[in-house]
Amino acid sequence: FPELPLAPPYAGAKDYIRVEDTDDAAALCALARLTCEALAELPQPKRRKRNAP
């Protein structure tokens, strides 16, 4: 969705994708799928080991 505009959600925030037509279910589903795929490609944070008491 490179054609979607970027805008900050509030003053001083970084820009996020601005979704204006929230009634278009197909577009929202596609955006959610793309977001999920992009997040899956990010490296997972390493988990801390817990010491047994």
PDB file of N, CA and C in Angstrom:
ATOM      1  N   PHE A   1       0.809  -1.182   0.000  1.00  0.00           N
ATOM      2  CA  PHE A   1       0.000   0.000   0.000  1.00  0.00           C
ATOM      3  C   PHE A   1       0.863   1.260   0.000  1.00  0.00           C
ATOM      4  N   PRO A   2       1.727   1.382  -0.961  1.00  0.00           N
ATOM      5  CA  PRO A   2       2.573   2.573  -0.995  1.00  0.00           C
ATOM      6  C   PRO A   2       1.793   3.847  -1.304  1.00  0.00           C
ATOM      7  N   GLU A   3       0.566   3.713  -1.827  1.00  0.00           N
ATOM      8  CA  GLU A   3      -0.203   4.909  -2.172  1.00  0.00           C
ATOM      9  C   GLU A   3      -0.927   5.507  -0.964  1.00  0.00           C
ATOM     10  N   LEU A   4      -0.936   4.807   0.174  1.00  0.00           N
ATOM     11  CA  LEU A   4      -1.593   5.346   1.359  1.00  0.00           C
ATOM     12  C   LEU A   4      -0.756   6.475   1.950  1.00  0.00           C
ATOM     13  N   PRO A   5      -1.408   7.550   2.360  1.00  0.00           N
ATOM     14  CA  PRO A   5      -0.661   8.684   2.921  1.00  0.00           C
ATOM     15  C   PRO A   5      -0.146   8.372   4.325  1.00  0.00           C
ATOM     16  N   LEU A   6       0.937   9.041   4.690  1.00  0.00           N
ATOM     17  CA  LEU A   6       1.485   8.927   6.035  1.00  0.00           C
ATOM     18  C   LEU A   6       1.117  10.179   6.815  1.00  0.00           C
ATOM     19  N   ALA A   7       0.784  10.000   8.075  1.00  0.00           N
ATOM     20  CA  ALA A   7       0.438  11.131   8.934  1.00  0.00           C
ATOM     21  C   ALA A   7       0.651  10.720  10.383  1.00  0.00           C
ATOM     22  N   PRO A   8       1.037  11.664  11.238  1.00  0.00           N
ATOM     23  CA  PRO A   8       1.186  11.326  12.653  1.00  0.00           C
ATOM     24  C   PRO A   8      -0.189  11.223  13.321  1.00  0.00           C
ATOM     25  N   PRO A   9      -0.376  10.278  14.246  1.00  0.00           N
ATOM     26  CA  PRO A   9      -1.665  10.158  14.929  1.00  0.00           C
ATOM     27  C   PRO A   9      -1.929  11.303  15.903  1.00  0.00           C
ATOM     28  N   TYR A  10      -0.854  11.945  16.366  1.00  0.00           N
ATOM     29  CA  TYR A  10      -0.979  13.098  17.256  1.00  0.00           C
ATOM     30  C   TYR A  10       0.271  13.950  17.102  1.00  0.00           C
ATOM     31  N   ALA A  11       0.227  15.161  17.567  1.00  0.00           N
ATOM     32  CA  ALA A  11       1.351  16.089  17.415  1.00  0.00           C
ATOM     33  C   ALA A  11       2.596  15.539  18.102  1.00  0.00           C
ATOM     34  N   GLY A  12       3.707  15.542  17.384  1.00  0.00           N
ATOM     35  CA  GLY A  12       4.970  15.072  17.929  1.00  0.00           C
ATOM     36  C   GLY A  12       5.242  13.597  17.691  1.00  0.00           C
ATOM     37  N   ALA A  13       4.287  12.857  17.158  1.00  0.00           N
ATOM     38  CA  ALA A  13       4.469  11.428  16.904  1.00  0.00           C
ATOM     39  C   ALA A  13       5.068  11.218  15.520  1.00  0.00           C
ATOM     40  N   LYS A  14       5.668  10.036  15.310  1.00  0.00           N
ATOM     41  CA  LYS A  14       6.184   9.733  13.982  1.00  0.00           C
ATOM     42  C   LYS A  14       5.017   9.369  13.060  1.00  0.00           C
ATOM     43  N   ASP A  15       5.283   9.406  11.765  1.00  0.00           N
ATOM     44  CA  ASP A  15       4.230   9.140  10.784  1.00  0.00           C
ATOM     45  C   ASP A  15       3.856   7.658  10.742  1.00  0.00           C
ATOM     46  N   TYR A  16       2.581   7.406  10.572  1.00  0.00           N
ATOM     47  CA  TYR A  16       2.036   6.072  10.389  1.00  0.00           C
ATOM     48  C   TYR A  16       1.155   6.100   9.153  1.00  0.00           C
ATOM     49  N   ILE A  17       0.800   4.926   8.661  1.00  0.00           N
ATOM     50  CA  ILE A  17      -0.112   4.850   7.519  1.00  0.00           C
ATOM     51  C   ILE A  17      -1.474   5.375   7.966  1.00  0.00           C
ATOM     52  N   ARG A  18      -2.010   6.281   7.179  1.00  0.00           N
ATOM     53  CA  ARG A  18      -3.326   6.847   7.489  1.00  0.00           C
ATOM     54  C   ARG A  18      -4.374   6.144   6.635  1.00  0.00           C
ATOM     55  N   VAL A  19      -5.275   5.445   7.283  1.00  0.00           N
ATOM     56  CA  VAL A  19      -6.351   4.738   6.594  1.00  0.00           C
ATOM     57  C   VAL A  19      -7.605   5.579   6.752  1.00  0.00           C
ATOM     58  N   GLU A  20      -8.083   6.121   5.634  1.00  0.00           N
ATOM     59  CA  GLU A  20      -9.246   7.005   5.682  1.00  0.00           C
ATOM     60  C   GLU A  20     -10.552   6.259   5.449  1.00  0.00           C
ATOM     61  N   ASP A  21     -10.532   5.226   4.596  1.00  0.00           N
ATOM     62  CA  ASP A  21     -11.757   4.494   4.276  1.00  0.00           C
ATOM     63  C   ASP A  21     -11.807   3.218   5.114  1.00  0.00           C
ATOM     64  N   THR A  22     -12.337   3.330   6.321  1.00  0.00           N
ATOM     65  CA  THR A  22     -12.396   2.167   7.209  1.00  0.00           C
ATOM     66  C   THR A  22     -13.590   1.264   6.915  1.00  0.00           C
ATOM     67  N   ASP A  23     -14.425   1.642   5.960  1.00  0.00           N
ATOM     68  CA  ASP A  23     -15.567   0.812   5.584  1.00  0.00           C
ATOM     69  C   ASP A  23     -15.202  -0.227   4.531  1.00  0.00           C
ATOM     70  N   ASP A  24     -14.020  -0.127   3.940  1.00  0.00           N
ATOM     71  CA  ASP A  24     -13.574  -1.065   2.911  1.00  0.00           C
ATOM     72  C   ASP A  24     -12.910  -2.259   3.589  1.00  0.00           C
ATOM     73  N   ALA A  25     -13.700  -3.292   3.861  1.00  0.00           N
ATOM     74  CA  ALA A  25     -13.214  -4.458   4.599  1.00  0.00           C
ATOM     75  C   ALA A  25     -12.100  -5.186   3.858  1.00  0.00           C
ATOM     76  N   ALA A  26     -12.195  -5.284   2.542  1.00  0.00           N
ATOM     77  CA  ALA A  26     -11.175  -5.991   1.770  1.00  0.00           C
ATOM     78  C   ALA A  26      -9.825  -5.287   1.869  1.00  0.00           C
ATOM     79  N   ALA A  27      -9.834  -3.973   1.799  1.00  0.00           N
ATOM     80  CA  ALA A  27      -8.584  -3.216   1.900  1.00  0.00           C
ATOM     81  C   ALA A  27      -7.992  -3.324   3.298  1.00  0.00           C
ATOM     82  N   LEU A  28      -8.826  -3.278   4.327  1.00  0.00           N
ATOM     83  CA  LEU A  28      -8.329  -3.412   5.696  1.00  0.00           C
ATOM     84  C   LEU A  28      -7.750  -4.803   5.939  1.00  0.00           C
ATOM     85  N   CYS A  29      -8.386  -5.833   5.397  1.00  0.00           N
ATOM     86  CA  CYS A  29      -7.860  -7.197   5.536  1.00  0.00           C
ATOM     87  C   CYS A  29      -6.523  -7.332   4.826  1.00  0.00           C
ATOM     88  N   ALA A  30      -6.417  -6.761   3.642  1.00  0.00           N
ATOM     89  CA  ALA A  30      -5.158  -6.817   2.903  1.00  0.00           C
ATOM     90  C   ALA A  30      -4.056  -6.076   3.652  1.00  0.00           C
ATOM     91  N   LEU A  31      -4.381  -4.941   4.227  1.00  0.00           N
ATOM     92  CA  LEU A  31      -3.404  -4.181   5.002  1.00  0.00           C
ATOM     93  C   LEU A  31      -2.961  -4.967   6.237  1.00  0.00           C
ATOM     94  N   ALA A  32      -3.899  -5.619   6.904  1.00  0.00           N
ATOM     95  CA  ALA A  32      -3.557  -6.429   8.076  1.00  0.00           C
ATOM     96  C   ALA A  32      -2.668  -7.605   7.686  1.00  0.00           C
ATOM     97  N   ARG A  33      -2.959  -8.243   6.552  1.00  0.00           N
ATOM     98  CA  ARG A  33      -2.120  -9.364   6.092  1.00  0.00           C
ATOM     99  C   ARG A  33      -0.707  -8.900   5.764  1.00  0.00           C
ATOM    100  N   LEU A  34      -0.592  -7.782   5.058  1.00  0.00           N
ATOM    101  CA  LEU A  34       0.731  -7.257   4.722  1.00  0.00           C
ATOM    102  C   LEU A  34       1.515  -6.878   5.973  1.00  0.00           C
ATOM    103  N   THR A  35       0.838  -6.292   6.935  1.00  0.00           N
ATOM    104  CA  THR A  35       1.493  -5.927   8.188  1.00  0.00           C
ATOM    105  C   THR A  35       1.970  -7.172   8.922  1.00  0.00           C
ATOM    106  N   CYS A  36       1.150  -8.188   8.970  1.00  0.00           N
ATOM    107  CA  CYS A  36       1.503  -9.435   9.645  1.00  0.00           C
ATOM    108  C   CYS A  36       2.698 -10.098   8.964  1.00  0.00           C
ATOM    109  N   GLU A  37       2.716 -10.119   7.637  1.00  0.00           N
ATOM    110  CA  GLU A  37       3.841 -10.695   6.900  1.00  0.00           C
ATOM    111  C   GLU A  37       5.124  -9.913   7.155  1.00  0.00           C
ATOM    112  N   ALA A  38       5.025  -8.594   7.192  1.00  0.00           N
ATOM    113  CA  ALA A  38       6.209  -7.766   7.431  1.00  0.00           C
ATOM    114  C   ALA A  38       6.745  -7.986   8.842  1.00  0.00           C
ATOM    115  N   LEU A  39       5.860  -8.129   9.811  1.00  0.00           N
ATOM    116  CA  LEU A  39       6.300  -8.362  11.183  1.00  0.00           C
ATOM    117  C   LEU A  39       6.908  -9.749  11.348  1.00  0.00           C
ATOM    118  N   ALA A  40       6.423 -10.729  10.594  1.00  0.00           N
ATOM    119  CA  ALA A  40       6.961 -12.084  10.684  1.00  0.00           C
ATOM    120  C   ALA A  40       8.394 -12.144  10.164  1.00  0.00           C
ATOM    121  N   GLU A  41       8.766 -11.239   9.270  1.00  0.00           N
ATOM    122  CA  GLU A  41      10.112 -11.228   8.709  1.00  0.00           C
ATOM    123  C   GLU A  41      11.135 -10.589   9.641  1.00  0.00           C
ATOM    124  N   LEU A  42      10.685  -9.872  10.668  1.00  0.00           N
ATOM    125  CA  LEU A  42      11.603  -9.233  11.604  1.00  0.00           C
ATOM    126  C   LEU A  42      12.226 -10.285  12.515  1.00  0.00           C
ATOM    127  N   PRO A  43      13.466 -10.069  12.954  1.00  0.00           N
ATOM    128  CA  PRO A  43      14.073 -11.035  13.872  1.00  0.00           C
ATOM    129  C   PRO A  43      13.346 -11.028  15.216  1.00  0.00           C
ATOM    130  N   GLN A  44      13.204 -12.207  15.786  1.00  0.00           N
ATOM    131  CA  GLN A  44      12.535 -12.333  17.074  1.00  0.00           C
ATOM    132  C   GLN A  44      13.487 -11.931  18.193  1.00  0.00           C
ATOM    133  N   PRO A  45      12.998 -11.228  19.205  1.00  0.00           N
ATOM    134  CA  PRO A  45      13.873 -10.864  20.322  1.00  0.00           C
ATOM    135  C   PRO A  45      14.273 -12.111  21.107  1.00  0.00           C
ATOM    136  N   LYS A  46      15.488 -12.090  21.631  1.00  0.00           N
ATOM    137  CA  LYS A  46      15.955 -13.223  22.425  1.00  0.00           C
ATOM    138  C   LYS A  46      15.294 -13.165  23.795  1.00  0.00           C
ATOM    139  N   ARG A  47      14.904 -14.325  24.266  1.00  0.00           N
ATOM    140  CA  ARG A  47      14.241 -14.390  25.567  1.00  0.00           C
ATOM    141  C   ARG A  47      15.278 -14.555  26.668  1.00  0.00           C
ATOM    142  N   ARG A  48      15.007 -13.919  27.777  1.00  0.00           N
ATOM    143  CA  ARG A  48      15.907 -14.042  28.919  1.00  0.00           C
ATOM    144  C   ARG A  48      15.677 -15.378  29.607  1.00  0.00           C
ATOM    145  N   LYS A  49      16.758 -15.953  30.083  1.00  0.00           N
ATOM    146  CA  LYS A  49      16.638 -17.190  30.847  1.00  0.00           C
ATOM    147  C   LYS A  49      16.237 -16.839  32.267  1.00  0.00           C
ATOM    148  N   ARG A  50      15.321 -17.598  32.796  1.00  0.00           N
ATOM    149  CA  ARG A  50      14.892 -17.390  34.175  1.00  0.00           C
ATOM    150  C   ARG A  50      15.668 -18.345  35.068  1.00  0.00           C
ATOM    151  N   ASN A  51      16.181 -17.827  36.132  1.00  0.00           N
ATOM    152  CA  ASN A  51      16.868 -18.673  37.102  1.00  0.00           C
ATOM    153  C   ASN A  51      15.845 -19.300  38.028  1.00  0.00           C
ATOM    154  N   ALA A  52      15.986 -20.601  38.258  1.00  0.00           N
ATOM    155  CA  ALA A  52      15.070 -21.295  39.155  1.00  0.00           C
ATOM    156  C   ALA A  52      15.361 -20.883  40.595  1.00  0.00           C
ATOM    157  N   PRO A  53      14.318 -20.664  41.406  1.00  0.00           N
ATOM    158  CA  PRO A  53      14.553 -20.235  42.801  1.00  0.00           C
ATOM    159  C   PRO A  53      15.099 -21.335  43.670  1.00  0.00           C
TER     160      PRO A  53
END
